[in-house]
Each structure stands twice: as structure tokens, then as C-alpha cells.
PDB file of N, CA and C in Angstrom:
ATOM      1  N   UNK A   1    -153.609 118.263 -10.586  1.00  0.00           N
ATOM      2  CA  UNK A   1    -153.614 118.874  -9.264  1.00  0.00           C
ATOM      3  C   UNK A   1    -152.320 118.564  -8.507  1.00  0.00           C
ATOM      4  N   UNK A   2    -151.680 117.443  -8.815  1.00  0.00           N
ATOM      5  CA  UNK A   2    -150.504 117.054  -8.039  1.00  0.00           C
ATOM      6  C   UNK A   2    -149.364 118.050  -8.175  1.00  0.00           C
ATOM      7  N   UNK A   3    -149.331 118.830  -9.236  1.00  0.00           N
ATOM      8  CA  UNK A   3    -148.249 119.787  -9.418  1.00  0.00           C
ATOM      9  C   UNK A   3    -148.603 121.173  -8.877  1.00  0.00           C
ATOM     10  N   UNK A   4    -149.758 121.313  -8.262  1.00  0.00           N
ATOM     11  CA  UNK A   4    -150.184 122.610  -7.756  1.00  0.00           C
ATOM     12  C   UNK A   4    -149.184 123.174  -6.750  1.00  0.00           C
ATOM     13  N   UNK A   5    -148.549 122.309  -5.975  1.00  0.00           N
ATOM     14  CA  UNK A   5    -147.593 122.800  -4.977  1.00  0.00           C
ATOM     15  C   UNK A   5    -146.407 123.503  -5.630  1.00  0.00           C
ATOM     16  N   UNK A   6    -146.143 123.232  -6.895  1.00  0.00           N
ATOM     17  CA  UNK A   6    -145.034 123.871  -7.589  1.00  0.00           C
ATOM     18  C   UNK A   6    -145.417 125.218  -8.203  1.00  0.00           C
ATOM     19  N   UNK A   7    -146.637 125.605  -8.034  1.00  0.00           N
ATOM     20  CA  UNK A   7    -147.080 126.888  -8.582  1.00  0.00           C
ATOM     21  C   UNK A   7    -147.456 127.882  -7.486  1.00  0.00           C
ATOM     22  N   UNK A   8    -147.080 127.569  -6.251  1.00  0.00           N
ATOM     23  CA  UNK A   8    -147.433 128.429  -5.124  1.00  0.00           C
ATOM     24  C   UNK A   8    -146.743 129.785  -5.271  1.00  0.00           C
ATOM     25  N   UNK A   9    -147.493 130.863  -5.303  1.00  0.00           N
ATOM     26  CA  UNK A   9    -146.899 132.187  -5.514  1.00  0.00           C
ATOM     27  C   UNK A   9    -146.011 132.649  -4.357  1.00  0.00           C
ATOM     28  N   UNK A  10    -146.177 132.092  -3.169  1.00  0.00           N
ATOM     29  CA  UNK A  10    -145.373 132.510  -2.023  1.00  0.00           C
ATOM     30  C   UNK A  10    -143.981 131.875  -2.015  1.00  0.00           C
ATOM     31  N   UNK A  11    -143.750 130.907  -2.884  1.00  0.00           N
ATOM     32  CA  UNK A  11    -142.446 130.246  -2.940  1.00  0.00           C
ATOM     33  C   UNK A  11    -141.593 130.961  -3.974  1.00  0.00           C
ATOM     34  N   UNK A  12    -140.473 131.472  -3.528  1.00  0.00           N
ATOM     35  CA  UNK A  12    -139.589 132.243  -4.395  1.00  0.00           C
ATOM     36  C   UNK A  12    -138.661 131.350  -5.201  1.00  0.00           C
ATOM     37  N   UNK A  13    -138.073 130.330  -4.560  1.00  0.00           N
ATOM     38  CA  UNK A  13    -137.114 129.441  -5.216  1.00  0.00           C
ATOM     39  C   UNK A  13    -137.352 127.992  -4.806  1.00  0.00           C
ATOM     40  N   UNK A  14    -136.954 127.098  -5.679  1.00  0.00           N
ATOM     41  CA  UNK A  14    -136.993 125.663  -5.413  1.00  0.00           C
ATOM     42  C   UNK A  14    -135.567 125.150  -5.458  1.00  0.00           C
ATOM     43  N   UNK A  15    -135.252 124.211  -4.579  1.00  0.00           N
ATOM     44  CA  UNK A  15    -133.915 123.628  -4.545  1.00  0.00           C
ATOM     45  C   UNK A  15    -134.002 122.203  -5.064  1.00  0.00           C
ATOM     46  N   UNK A  16    -133.130 121.880  -6.001  1.00  0.00           N
ATOM     47  CA  UNK A  16    -133.017 120.529  -6.539  1.00  0.00           C
ATOM     48  C   UNK A  16    -131.633 119.997  -6.182  1.00  0.00           C
ATOM     49  N   UNK A  17    -131.535 118.694  -5.896  1.00  0.00           N
ATOM     50  CA  UNK A  17    -130.238 118.129  -5.501  1.00  0.00           C
ATOM     51  C   UNK A  17    -129.374 117.757  -6.704  1.00  0.00           C
ATOM     52  N   UNK A  18    -129.953 117.818  -7.911  1.00  0.00           N
ATOM     53  CA  UNK A  18    -129.193 117.503  -9.120  1.00  0.00           C
ATOM     54  C   UNK A  18    -129.928 118.089 -10.330  1.00  0.00           C
ATOM     55  N   UNK A  19    -129.261 118.064 -11.470  1.00  0.00           N
ATOM     56  CA  UNK A  19    -129.882 118.598 -12.693  1.00  0.00           C
ATOM     57  C   UNK A  19    -131.112 117.796 -13.096  1.00  0.00           C
ATOM     58  N   UNK A  20    -131.082 116.490 -12.855  1.00  0.00           N
ATOM     59  CA  UNK A  20    -132.245 115.657 -13.200  1.00  0.00           C
ATOM     60  C   UNK A  20    -133.469 116.093 -12.400  1.00  0.00           C
ATOM     61  N   UNK A  21    -133.281 116.395 -11.121  1.00  0.00           N
ATOM     62  CA  UNK A  21    -134.392 116.868 -10.290  1.00  0.00           C
ATOM     63  C   UNK A  21    -134.863 118.243 -10.781  1.00  0.00           C
ATOM     64  N   UNK A  22    -133.931 119.088 -11.177  1.00  0.00           N
ATOM     65  CA  UNK A  22    -134.290 120.407 -11.715  1.00  0.00           C
ATOM     66  C   UNK A  22    -135.126 120.249 -12.979  1.00  0.00           C
ATOM     67  N   UNK A  23    -134.765 119.296 -13.806  1.00  0.00           N
ATOM     68  CA  UNK A  23    -135.530 119.021 -15.024  1.00  0.00           C
ATOM     69  C   UNK A  23    -136.963 118.623 -14.701  1.00  0.00           C
ATOM     70  N   UNK A  24    -137.115 117.765 -13.681  1.00  0.00           N
ATOM     71  CA  UNK A  24    -138.454 117.326 -13.283  1.00  0.00           C
ATOM     72  C   UNK A  24    -139.284 118.495 -12.763  1.00  0.00           C
ATOM     73  N   UNK A  25    -138.645 119.374 -12.009  1.00  0.00           N
ATOM     74  CA  UNK A  25    -139.360 120.569 -11.545  1.00  0.00           C
ATOM     75  C   UNK A  25    -139.810 121.408 -12.741  1.00  0.00           C
ATOM     76  N   UNK A  26    -138.943 121.514 -13.728  1.00  0.00           N
ATOM     77  CA  UNK A  26    -139.303 122.245 -14.941  1.00  0.00           C
ATOM     78  C   UNK A  26    -140.489 121.619 -15.645  1.00  0.00           C
ATOM     79  N   UNK A  27    -140.512 120.299 -15.725  1.00  0.00           N
ATOM     80  CA  UNK A  27    -141.644 119.599 -16.350  1.00  0.00           C
ATOM     81  C   UNK A  27    -142.940 119.834 -15.582  1.00  0.00           C
ATOM     82  N   UNK A  28    -142.793 120.064 -14.262  1.00  0.00           N
ATOM     83  CA  UNK A  28    -143.970 120.299 -13.425  1.00  0.00           C
ATOM     84  C   UNK A  28    -144.455 121.743 -13.513  1.00  0.00           C
ATOM     85  N   UNK A  29    -143.741 122.567 -14.288  1.00  0.00           N
ATOM     86  CA  UNK A  29    -144.194 123.924 -14.494  1.00  0.00           C
ATOM     87  C   UNK A  29    -143.424 125.004 -13.763  1.00  0.00           C
ATOM     88  N   UNK A  30    -142.328 124.633 -13.108  1.00  0.00           N
ATOM     89  CA  UNK A  30    -141.526 125.638 -12.401  1.00  0.00           C
ATOM     90  C   UNK A  30    -140.567 126.282 -13.398  1.00  0.00           C
ATOM     91  N   UNK A  31    -140.570 127.600 -13.444  1.00  0.00           N
ATOM     92  CA  UNK A  31    -139.667 128.327 -14.344  1.00  0.00           C
ATOM     93  C   UNK A  31    -138.218 128.087 -13.916  1.00  0.00           C
ATOM     94  N   UNK A  32    -137.340 127.874 -14.882  1.00  0.00           N
ATOM     95  CA  UNK A  32    -135.935 127.559 -14.596  1.00  0.00           C
ATOM     96  C   UNK A  32    -135.270 128.599 -13.692  1.00  0.00           C
ATOM     97  N   UNK A  33    -135.624 129.867 -13.847  1.00  0.00           N
ATOM     98  CA  UNK A  33    -134.992 130.905 -13.013  1.00  0.00           C
ATOM     99  C   UNK A  33    -135.410 130.807 -11.540  1.00  0.00           C
ATOM    100  N   UNK A  34    -136.418 130.000 -11.235  1.00  0.00           N
ATOM    101  CA  UNK A  34    -136.836 129.790  -9.839  1.00  0.00           C
ATOM    102  C   UNK A  34    -136.209 128.538  -9.231  1.00  0.00           C
ATOM    103  N   UNK A  35    -135.364 127.845  -9.984  1.00  0.00           N
ATOM    104  CA  UNK A  35    -134.755 126.590  -9.521  1.00  0.00           C
ATOM    105  C   UNK A  35    -133.267 126.797  -9.284  1.00  0.00           C
ATOM    106  N   UNK A  36    -132.780 126.356  -8.148  1.00  0.00           N
ATOM    107  CA  UNK A  36    -131.350 126.368  -7.841  1.00  0.00           C
ATOM    108  C   UNK A  36    -130.927 124.928  -7.587  1.00  0.00           C
ATOM    109  N   UNK A  37    -129.822 124.519  -8.182  1.00  0.00           N
ATOM    110  CA  UNK A  37    -129.291 123.177  -7.954  1.00  0.00           C
ATOM    111  C   UNK A  37    -128.219 123.258  -6.877  1.00  0.00           C
ATOM    112  N   UNK A  38    -128.432 122.544  -5.806  1.00  0.00           N
ATOM    113  CA  UNK A  38    -127.452 122.432  -4.724  1.00  0.00           C
ATOM    114  C   UNK A  38    -127.187 120.937  -4.569  1.00  0.00           C
ATOM    115  N   UNK A  39    -126.030 120.464  -5.039  1.00  0.00           N
ATOM    116  CA  UNK A  39    -125.748 119.025  -5.000  1.00  0.00           C
ATOM    117  C   UNK A  39    -125.789 118.456  -3.583  1.00  0.00           C
ATOM    118  N   UNK A  40    -126.103 117.180  -3.520  1.00  0.00           N
ATOM    119  CA  UNK A  40    -126.143 116.472  -2.251  1.00  0.00           C
ATOM    120  C   UNK A  40    -124.797 116.573  -1.552  1.00  0.00           C
ATOM    121  N   UNK A  41    -124.824 116.605  -0.235  1.00  0.00           N
ATOM    122  CA  UNK A  41    -123.592 116.695   0.553  1.00  0.00           C
ATOM    123  C   UNK A  41    -123.015 115.323   0.887  1.00  0.00           C
ATOM    124  N   UNK A  42    -123.587 114.269   0.322  1.00  0.00           N
ATOM    125  CA  UNK A  42    -123.083 112.924   0.598  1.00  0.00           C
ATOM    126  C   UNK A  42    -121.726 112.747  -0.074  1.00  0.00           C
ATOM    127  N   UNK A  43    -120.752 112.322   0.704  1.00  0.00           N
ATOM    128  CA  UNK A  43    -119.407 112.097   0.187  1.00  0.00           C
ATOM    129  C   UNK A  43    -119.322 110.651  -0.310  1.00  0.00           C
ATOM    130  N   UNK A  44    -119.558 110.467  -1.600  1.00  0.00           N
ATOM    131  CA  UNK A  44    -119.611 109.111  -2.150  1.00  0.00           C
ATOM    132  C   UNK A  44    -118.334 108.299  -1.916  1.00  0.00           C
ATOM    133  N   UNK A  45    -117.138 108.855  -2.064  1.00  0.00           N
ATOM    134  CA  UNK A  45    -115.939 108.050  -1.825  1.00  0.00           C
ATOM    135  C   UNK A  45    -115.877 107.454  -0.419  1.00  0.00           C
ATOM    136  N   UNK A  46    -116.493 108.127   0.520  1.00  0.00           N
ATOM    137  CA  UNK A  46    -116.506 107.638   1.906  1.00  0.00           C
ATOM    138  C   UNK A  46    -117.163 106.264   2.006  1.00  0.00           C
ATOM    139  N   UNK A  47    -118.087 105.966   1.094  1.00  0.00           N
ATOM    140  CA  UNK A  47    -118.852 104.730   1.163  1.00  0.00           C
ATOM    141  C   UNK A  47    -118.337 103.655   0.212  1.00  0.00           C
ATOM    142  N   UNK A  48    -117.273 103.933  -0.517  1.00  0.00           N
ATOM    143  CA  UNK A  48    -116.735 102.966  -1.473  1.00  0.00           C
ATOM    144  C   UNK A  48    -116.310 101.661  -0.803  1.00  0.00           C
ATOM    145  N   UNK A  49    -115.688 101.758   0.365  1.00  0.00           N
ATOM    146  CA  UNK A  49    -115.246 100.544   1.067  1.00  0.00           C
ATOM    147  C   UNK A  49    -116.431  99.657   1.421  1.00  0.00           C
ATOM    148  N   UNK A  50    -117.503 100.253   1.909  1.00  0.00           N
ATOM    149  CA  UNK A  50    -118.694  99.479   2.248  1.00  0.00           C
ATOM    150  C   UNK A  50    -119.296  98.841   0.998  1.00  0.00           C
ATOM    151  N   UNK A  51    -119.323  99.576  -0.107  1.00  0.00           N
ATOM    152  CA  UNK A  51    -119.868  99.020  -1.354  1.00  0.00           C
ATOM    153  C   UNK A  51    -119.027  97.853  -1.822  1.00  0.00           C
ATOM    154  N   UNK A  52    -117.715  97.996  -1.787  1.00  0.00           N
ATOM    155  CA  UNK A  52    -116.818  96.910  -2.204  1.00  0.00           C
ATOM    156  C   UNK A  52    -117.022  95.681  -1.323  1.00  0.00           C
ATOM    157  N   UNK A  53    -117.219  95.886  -0.032  1.00  0.00           N
ATOM    158  CA  UNK A  53    -117.445  94.777   0.898  1.00  0.00           C
ATOM    159  C   UNK A  53    -118.744  94.054   0.546  1.00  0.00           C
ATOM    160  N   UNK A  54    -119.797  94.809   0.224  1.00  0.00           N
ATOM    161  CA  UNK A  54    -121.074  94.201  -0.153  1.00  0.00           C
ATOM    162  C   UNK A  54    -120.941  93.382  -1.427  1.00  0.00           C
ATOM    163  N   UNK A  55    -120.127  93.862  -2.369  1.00  0.00           N
ATOM    164  CA  UNK A  55    -119.977  93.153  -3.641  1.00  0.00           C
ATOM    165  C   UNK A  55    -119.208  91.848  -3.475  1.00  0.00           C
ATOM    166  N   UNK A  56    -118.265  91.795  -2.542  1.00  0.00           N
ATOM    167  CA  UNK A  56    -117.492  90.564  -2.349  1.00  0.00           C
ATOM    168  C   UNK A  56    -118.168  89.605  -1.391  1.00  0.00           C
ATOM    169  N   UNK A  57    -118.966  90.120  -0.470  1.00  0.00           N
ATOM    170  CA  UNK A  57    -119.678  89.261   0.485  1.00  0.00           C
ATOM    171  C   UNK A  57    -121.086  89.825   0.670  1.00  0.00           C
ATOM    172  N   UNK A  58    -122.046  89.258  -0.045  1.00  0.00           N
ATOM    173  CA  UNK A  58    -123.424  89.766   0.069  1.00  0.00           C
ATOM    174  C   UNK A  58    -123.923  89.649   1.509  1.00  0.00           C
ATOM    175  N   UNK A  59    -124.858  90.511   1.883  1.00  0.00           N
ATOM    176  CA  UNK A  59    -125.412  90.427   3.238  1.00  0.00           C
ATOM    177  C   UNK A  59    -126.117  89.100   3.464  1.00  0.00           C
ATOM    178  N   UNK A  60    -126.078  88.653   4.689  1.00  0.00           N
ATOM    179  CA  UNK A  60    -126.749  87.393   5.032  1.00  0.00           C
ATOM    180  C   UNK A  60    -128.211  87.656   5.336  1.00  0.00           C
ATOM    181  N   UNK A  61    -129.004  86.626   5.198  1.00  0.00           N
ATOM    182  CA  UNK A  61    -130.422  86.728   5.525  1.00  0.00           C
ATOM    183  C   UNK A  61    -131.247  87.221   4.358  1.00  0.00           C
ATOM    184  N   UNK A  62    -132.550  87.258   4.576  1.00  0.00           N
ATOM    185  CA  UNK A  62    -133.453  87.683   3.505  1.00  0.00           C
ATOM    186  C   UNK A  62    -133.300  89.170   3.199  1.00  0.00           C
ATOM    187  N   UNK A  63    -133.593  89.549   1.976  1.00  0.00           N
ATOM    188  CA  UNK A  63    -133.459  90.965   1.610  1.00  0.00           C
ATOM    189  C   UNK A  63    -134.518  91.826   2.292  1.00  0.00           C
ATOM    190  N   UNK A  64    -134.154  93.062   2.528  1.00  0.00           N
ATOM    191  CA  UNK A  64    -135.082  94.087   3.015  1.00  0.00           C
ATOM    192  C   UNK A  64    -135.217  95.119   1.900  1.00  0.00           C
ATOM    193  N   UNK A  65    -136.441  95.361   1.518  1.00  0.00           N
ATOM    194  CA  UNK A  65    -136.716  96.284   0.429  1.00  0.00           C
ATOM    195  C   UNK A  65    -137.449  97.471   1.033  1.00  0.00           C
ATOM    196  N   UNK A  66    -136.867  98.646   0.919  1.00  0.00           N
ATOM    197  CA  UNK A  66    -137.439  99.810   1.578  1.00  0.00           C
ATOM    198  C   UNK A  66    -137.875 100.899   0.632  1.00  0.00           C
ATOM    199  N   UNK A  67    -138.890 101.600   1.053  1.00  0.00           N
ATOM    200  CA  UNK A  67    -139.357 102.779   0.353  1.00  0.00           C
ATOM    201  C   UNK A  67    -139.532 103.846   1.432  1.00  0.00           C
ATOM    202  N   UNK A  68    -138.698 104.868   1.360  1.00  0.00           N
ATOM    203  CA  UNK A  68    -138.710 105.907   2.387  1.00  0.00           C
ATOM    204  C   UNK A  68    -139.202 107.208   1.773  1.00  0.00           C
ATOM    205  N   UNK A  69    -140.250 107.738   2.342  1.00  0.00           N
ATOM    206  CA  UNK A  69    -140.813 108.990   1.856  1.00  0.00           C
ATOM    207  C   UNK A  69    -142.278 109.055   2.218  1.00  0.00           C
ATOM    208  N   UNK A  70    -142.789 110.257   2.388  1.00  0.00           N
ATOM    209  CA  UNK A  70    -144.194 110.350   2.782  1.00  0.00           C
ATOM    210  C   UNK A  70    -145.075 109.729   1.707  1.00  0.00           C
ATOM    211  N   UNK A  71    -146.180 109.157   2.163  1.00  0.00           N
ATOM    212  CA  UNK A  71    -147.083 108.477   1.240  1.00  0.00           C
ATOM    213  C   UNK A  71    -147.932 109.478   0.469  1.00  0.00           C
ATOM    214  N   UNK A  72    -147.946 109.308  -0.832  1.00  0.00           N
ATOM    215  CA  UNK A  72    -148.846 110.014  -1.740  1.00  0.00           C
ATOM    216  C   UNK A  72    -149.121 109.020  -2.867  1.00  0.00           C
ATOM    217  N   UNK A  73    -150.360 108.861  -3.276  1.00  0.00           N
ATOM    218  CA  UNK A  73    -150.701 107.845  -4.276  1.00  0.00           C
ATOM    219  C   UNK A  73    -149.833 107.857  -5.532  1.00  0.00           C
ATOM    220  N   UNK A  74    -149.398 109.031  -5.988  1.00  0.00           N
ATOM    221  CA  UNK A  74    -148.620 109.089  -7.221  1.00  0.00           C
ATOM    222  C   UNK A  74    -147.176 108.623  -7.051  1.00  0.00           C
ATOM    223  N   UNK A  75    -146.724 108.384  -5.815  1.00  0.00           N
ATOM    224  CA  UNK A  75    -145.336 107.985  -5.590  1.00  0.00           C
ATOM    225  C   UNK A  75    -145.089 106.498  -5.827  1.00  0.00           C
ATOM    226  N   UNK A  76    -146.132 105.690  -5.897  1.00  0.00           N
ATOM    227  CA  UNK A  76    -145.955 104.291  -6.254  1.00  0.00           C
ATOM    228  C   UNK A  76    -145.758 103.315  -5.116  1.00  0.00           C
ATOM    229  N   UNK A  77    -146.048 103.704  -3.889  1.00  0.00           N
ATOM    230  CA  UNK A  77    -145.928 102.767  -2.774  1.00  0.00           C
ATOM    231  C   UNK A  77    -146.767 101.505  -3.037  1.00  0.00           C
ATOM    232  N   UNK A  78    -147.964 101.711  -3.592  1.00  0.00           N
ATOM    233  CA  UNK A  78    -148.845 100.577  -3.839  1.00  0.00           C
ATOM    234  C   UNK A  78    -148.286  99.647  -4.924  1.00  0.00           C
ATOM    235  N   UNK A  79    -147.477 100.175  -5.824  1.00  0.00           N
ATOM    236  CA  UNK A  79    -146.847  99.342  -6.859  1.00  0.00           C
ATOM    237  C   UNK A  79    -145.900  98.341  -6.193  1.00  0.00           C
ATOM    238  N   UNK A  80    -145.120  98.831  -5.228  1.00  0.00           N
ATOM    239  CA  UNK A  80    -144.226  97.934  -4.491  1.00  0.00           C
ATOM    240  C   UNK A  80    -145.020  96.853  -3.775  1.00  0.00           C
ATOM    241  N   UNK A  81    -146.097  97.221  -3.106  1.00  0.00           N
ATOM    242  CA  UNK A  81    -146.889  96.225  -2.388  1.00  0.00           C
ATOM    243  C   UNK A  81    -147.522  95.214  -3.342  1.00  0.00           C
ATOM    244  N   UNK A  82    -147.969  95.684  -4.495  1.00  0.00           N
ATOM    245  CA  UNK A  82    -148.572  94.749  -5.460  1.00  0.00           C
ATOM    246  C   UNK A  82    -147.526  93.791  -6.044  1.00  0.00           C
ATOM    247  N   UNK A  83    -146.286  94.211  -6.084  1.00  0.00           N
ATOM    248  CA  UNK A  83    -145.207  93.354  -6.585  1.00  0.00           C
ATOM    249  C   UNK A  83    -144.681  92.407  -5.506  1.00  0.00           C
ATOM    250  N   UNK A  84    -145.057  92.650  -4.264  1.00  0.00           N
ATOM    251  CA  UNK A  84    -144.493  91.897  -3.133  1.00  0.00           C
ATOM    252  C   UNK A  84    -144.664  90.390  -3.279  1.00  0.00           C
ATOM    253  N   UNK A  85    -145.827  89.918  -3.711  1.00  0.00           N
ATOM    254  CA  UNK A  85    -146.033  88.457  -3.838  1.00  0.00           C
ATOM    255  C   UNK A  85    -145.030  87.841  -4.806  1.00  0.00           C
ATOM    256  N   UNK A  86    -144.805  88.473  -5.949  1.00  0.00           N
ATOM    257  CA  UNK A  86    -143.838  87.958  -6.914  1.00  0.00           C
ATOM    258  C   UNK A  86    -142.424  88.019  -6.348  1.00  0.00           C
ATOM    259  N   UNK A  87    -142.130  89.091  -5.639  1.00  0.00           N
ATOM    260  CA  UNK A  87    -140.804  89.209  -5.024  1.00  0.00           C
ATOM    261  C   UNK A  87    -140.601  88.111  -3.997  1.00  0.00           C
ATOM    262  N   UNK A  88    -141.648  87.821  -3.212  1.00  0.00           N
ATOM    263  CA  UNK A  88    -141.553  86.784  -2.183  1.00  0.00           C
ATOM    264  C   UNK A  88    -141.373  85.395  -2.787  1.00  0.00           C
ATOM    265  N   UNK A  89    -141.890  85.176  -3.975  1.00  0.00           N
ATOM    266  CA  UNK A  89    -141.660  83.884  -4.651  1.00  0.00           C
ATOM    267  C   UNK A  89    -140.183  83.718  -4.963  1.00  0.00           C
ATOM    268  N   UNK A  90    -139.546  84.780  -5.412  1.00  0.00           N
ATOM    269  CA  UNK A  90    -138.127  84.732  -5.764  1.00  0.00           C
ATOM    270  C   UNK A  90    -137.228  84.835  -4.534  1.00  0.00           C
ATOM    271  N   UNK A  91    -137.682  85.553  -3.522  1.00  0.00           N
ATOM    272  CA  UNK A  91    -136.883  85.790  -2.313  1.00  0.00           C
ATOM    273  C   UNK A  91    -137.737  85.541  -1.073  1.00  0.00           C
ATOM    274  N   UNK A  92    -137.998  84.269  -0.754  1.00  0.00           N
ATOM    275  CA  UNK A  92    -138.822  83.969   0.424  1.00  0.00           C
ATOM    276  C   UNK A  92    -138.226  84.629   1.670  1.00  0.00           C
ATOM    277  N   UNK A  93    -139.079  85.174   2.482  1.00  0.00           N
ATOM    278  CA  UNK A  93    -138.621  85.814   3.703  1.00  0.00           C
ATOM    279  C   UNK A  93    -138.261  87.274   3.545  1.00  0.00           C
ATOM    280  N   UNK A  94    -138.364  87.800   2.331  1.00  0.00           N
ATOM    281  CA  UNK A  94    -138.053  89.219   2.121  1.00  0.00           C
ATOM    282  C   UNK A  94    -138.954  90.069   3.016  1.00  0.00           C
ATOM    283  N   UNK A  95    -138.427  91.196   3.440  1.00  0.00           N
ATOM    284  CA  UNK A  95    -139.178  92.141   4.264  1.00  0.00           C
ATOM    285  C   UNK A  95    -139.321  93.443   3.493  1.00  0.00           C
ATOM    286  N   UNK A  96    -140.452  94.090   3.658  1.00  0.00           N
ATOM    287  CA  UNK A  96    -140.732  95.358   3.000  1.00  0.00           C
ATOM    288  C   UNK A  96    -140.870  96.431   4.075  1.00  0.00           C
ATOM    289  N   UNK A  97    -140.070  97.451   3.973  1.00  0.00           N
ATOM    290  CA  UNK A  97    -140.057  98.521   4.969  1.00  0.00           C
ATOM    291  C   UNK A  97    -140.589  99.797   4.326  1.00  0.00           C
ATOM    292  N   UNK A  98    -141.666 100.306   4.886  1.00  0.00           N
ATOM    293  CA  UNK A  98    -142.253 101.561   4.420  1.00  0.00           C
ATOM    294  C   UNK A  98    -142.102 102.571   5.544  1.00  0.00           C
ATOM    295  N   UNK A  99    -141.391 103.625   5.283  1.00  0.00           N
ATOM    296  CA  UNK A  99    -141.148 104.633   6.317  1.00  0.00           C
ATOM    297  C   UNK A  99    -141.458 106.013   5.771  1.00  0.00           C
ATOM    298  N   UNK A 100    -142.227 106.753   6.523  1.00  0.00           N
ATOM    299  CA  UNK A 100    -142.567 108.110   6.125  1.00  0.00           C
ATOM    300  C   UNK A 100    -143.983 108.442   6.532  1.00  0.00           C
ATOM    301  N   UNK A 101    -144.259 109.712   6.562  1.00  0.00           N
ATOM    302  CA  UNK A 101    -145.586 110.183   6.963  1.00  0.00           C
ATOM    303  C   UNK A 101    -146.667 109.555   6.088  1.00  0.00           C
ATOM    304  N   UNK A 102    -147.674 108.993   6.723  1.00  0.00           N
ATOM    305  CA  UNK A 102    -148.824 108.459   6.004  1.00  0.00           C
ATOM    306  C   UNK A 102    -148.687 107.029   5.525  1.00  0.00           C
ATOM    307  N   UNK A 103    -147.515 106.415   5.672  1.00  0.00           N
ATOM    308  CA  UNK A 103    -147.352 105.052   5.155  1.00  0.00           C
ATOM    309  C   UNK A 103    -148.199 104.037   5.917  1.00  0.00           C
ATOM    310  N   UNK A 104    -148.638 104.383   7.124  1.00  0.00           N
ATOM    311  CA  UNK A 104    -149.507 103.464   7.873  1.00  0.00           C
ATOM    312  C   UNK A 104    -150.827 103.240   7.131  1.00  0.00           C
ATOM    313  N   UNK A 105    -151.184 104.155   6.238  1.00  0.00           N
ATOM    314  CA  UNK A 105    -152.406 103.998   5.440  1.00  0.00           C
ATOM    315  C   UNK A 105    -152.323 102.791   4.511  1.00  0.00           C
ATOM    316  N   UNK A 106    -151.117 102.307   4.263  1.00  0.00           N
ATOM    317  CA  UNK A 106    -150.924 101.204   3.330  1.00  0.00           C
ATOM    318  C   UNK A 106    -151.120  99.837   3.975  1.00  0.00           C
ATOM    319  N   UNK A 107    -151.307  99.791   5.284  1.00  0.00           N
ATOM    320  CA  UNK A 107    -151.481  98.512   5.987  1.00  0.00           C
ATOM    321  C   UNK A 107    -152.697  97.755   5.461  1.00  0.00           C
ATOM    322  N   UNK A 108    -153.791  98.464   5.194  1.00  0.00           N
ATOM    323  CA  UNK A 108    -154.996  97.799   4.681  1.00  0.00           C
ATOM    324  C   UNK A 108    -154.733  97.152   3.325  1.00  0.00           C
ATOM    325  N   UNK A 109    -154.032  97.854   2.451  1.00  0.00           N
ATOM    326  CA  UNK A 109    -153.709  97.295   1.135  1.00  0.00           C
ATOM    327  C   UNK A 109    -152.798  96.088   1.295  1.00  0.00           C
ATOM    328  N   UNK A 110    -151.811  96.168   2.176  1.00  0.00           N
ATOM    329  CA  UNK A 110    -150.907  95.042   2.408  1.00  0.00           C
ATOM    330  C   UNK A 110    -151.687  93.825   2.910  1.00  0.00           C
ATOM    331  N   UNK A 111    -152.650  94.049   3.798  1.00  0.00           N
ATOM    332  CA  UNK A 111    -153.469  92.950   4.304  1.00  0.00           C
ATOM    333  C   UNK A 111    -154.329  92.351   3.189  1.00  0.00           C
ATOM    334  N   UNK A 112    -154.917  93.217   2.382  1.00  0.00           N
ATOM    335  CA  UNK A 112    -155.746  92.774   1.254  1.00  0.00           C
ATOM    336  C   UNK A 112    -154.940  91.923   0.271  1.00  0.00           C
ATOM    337  N   UNK A 113    -153.675  92.279   0.085  1.00  0.00           N
ATOM    338  CA  UNK A 113    -152.804  91.560  -0.847  1.00  0.00           C
ATOM    339  C   UNK A 113    -152.162  90.334  -0.211  1.00  0.00           C
ATOM    340  N   UNK A 114    -152.361  90.155   1.092  1.00  0.00           N
ATOM    341  CA  UNK A 114    -151.811  88.990   1.792  1.00  0.00           C
ATOM    342  C   UNK A 114    -150.340  89.087   2.122  1.00  0.00           C
ATOM    343  N   UNK A 115    -149.813  90.293   2.216  1.00  0.00           N
ATOM    344  CA  UNK A 115    -148.372  90.466   2.492  1.00  0.00           C
ATOM    345  C   UNK A 115    -148.111  91.277   3.771  1.00  0.00           C
ATOM    346  N   UNK A 116    -149.142  91.547   4.540  1.00  0.00           N
ATOM    347  CA  UNK A 116    -148.993  92.393   5.722  1.00  0.00           C
ATOM    348  C   UNK A 116    -147.945  91.860   6.691  1.00  0.00           C
ATOM    349  N   UNK A 117    -147.854  90.536   6.828  1.00  0.00           N
ATOM    350  CA  UNK A 117    -146.888  89.964   7.775  1.00  0.00           C
ATOM    351  C   UNK A 117    -145.435  90.230   7.348  1.00  0.00           C
ATOM    352  N   UNK A 118    -145.232  90.624   6.120  1.00  0.00           N
ATOM    353  CA  UNK A 118    -143.877  90.905   5.616  1.00  0.00           C
ATOM    354  C   UNK A 118    -143.576  92.388   5.558  1.00  0.00           C
ATOM    355  N   UNK A 119    -144.541  93.207   5.965  1.00  0.00           N
ATOM    356  CA  UNK A 119    -144.380  94.671   5.871  1.00  0.00           C
ATOM    357  C   UNK A 119    -144.133  95.263   7.254  1.00  0.00           C
ATOM    358  N   UNK A 120    -143.067  96.047   7.347  1.00  0.00           N
ATOM    359  CA  UNK A 120    -142.748  96.755   8.603  1.00  0.00           C
ATOM    360  C   UNK A 120    -143.028  98.223   8.422  1.00  0.00           C
TER     361      UNK A 120
END
């Protein structure tokens, strides 16, 4: 049922940001002629200086681990929360940031797992 949205007859074309995404759409049942690849507009060279700075001087403080995207069970948000205890053993003070529509539904699971105080 999760791929039903890719079979909607009212949708003429699907846009993928790369060939890998187009491949995934194809696996979900979208005909290749209905897929257009439009690469991301992010200018990667613009961020090279920031990346080099991070590599020579890591950020201070505990790590923040984020998952951004609307919540759907198949996306794996709960996998991150279930891994949180092990991550906290290796990185005490780590923070987990969940942002996107429906992510507030995960608060109960975070509380059940004992990591709610580390989840924003």
C-alpha cells in the first residue's frame, strides 16, 4: 500500500533530484517515461570551505543527530530512536532532532525507550 501514491492516475510526471531517486521511483512502479530528473540546485563548491573547517576543527559540544521529513512508519524514525540508547553510551549528551509533519507522534516511543529528554 505504501507505493499507492506512485500509481495515482492524476499525476502526469514525477520529479527526482538524481538518477538514484529515479531508480527508486521505478522500483515503486512508476514508468520511466513519467520520471524527470532535475538535479538539486545546491551549489556544492559553495560549502567546501565550511566542510574543510569542520574537518580541521570539529564542532564543540555534544553531537546533534537529526532526521528531517514527515513521519511515516516505513521511513525509519523509530529505528533512530531505538538506537538512541546505544548512541548515548558512545556520545553522552547527544541530542536527537526530529523535524517534520507528524514527528510529534514519536514522543510516546521516545518516552517508552527512556530517551525523551534527549529528543527535540
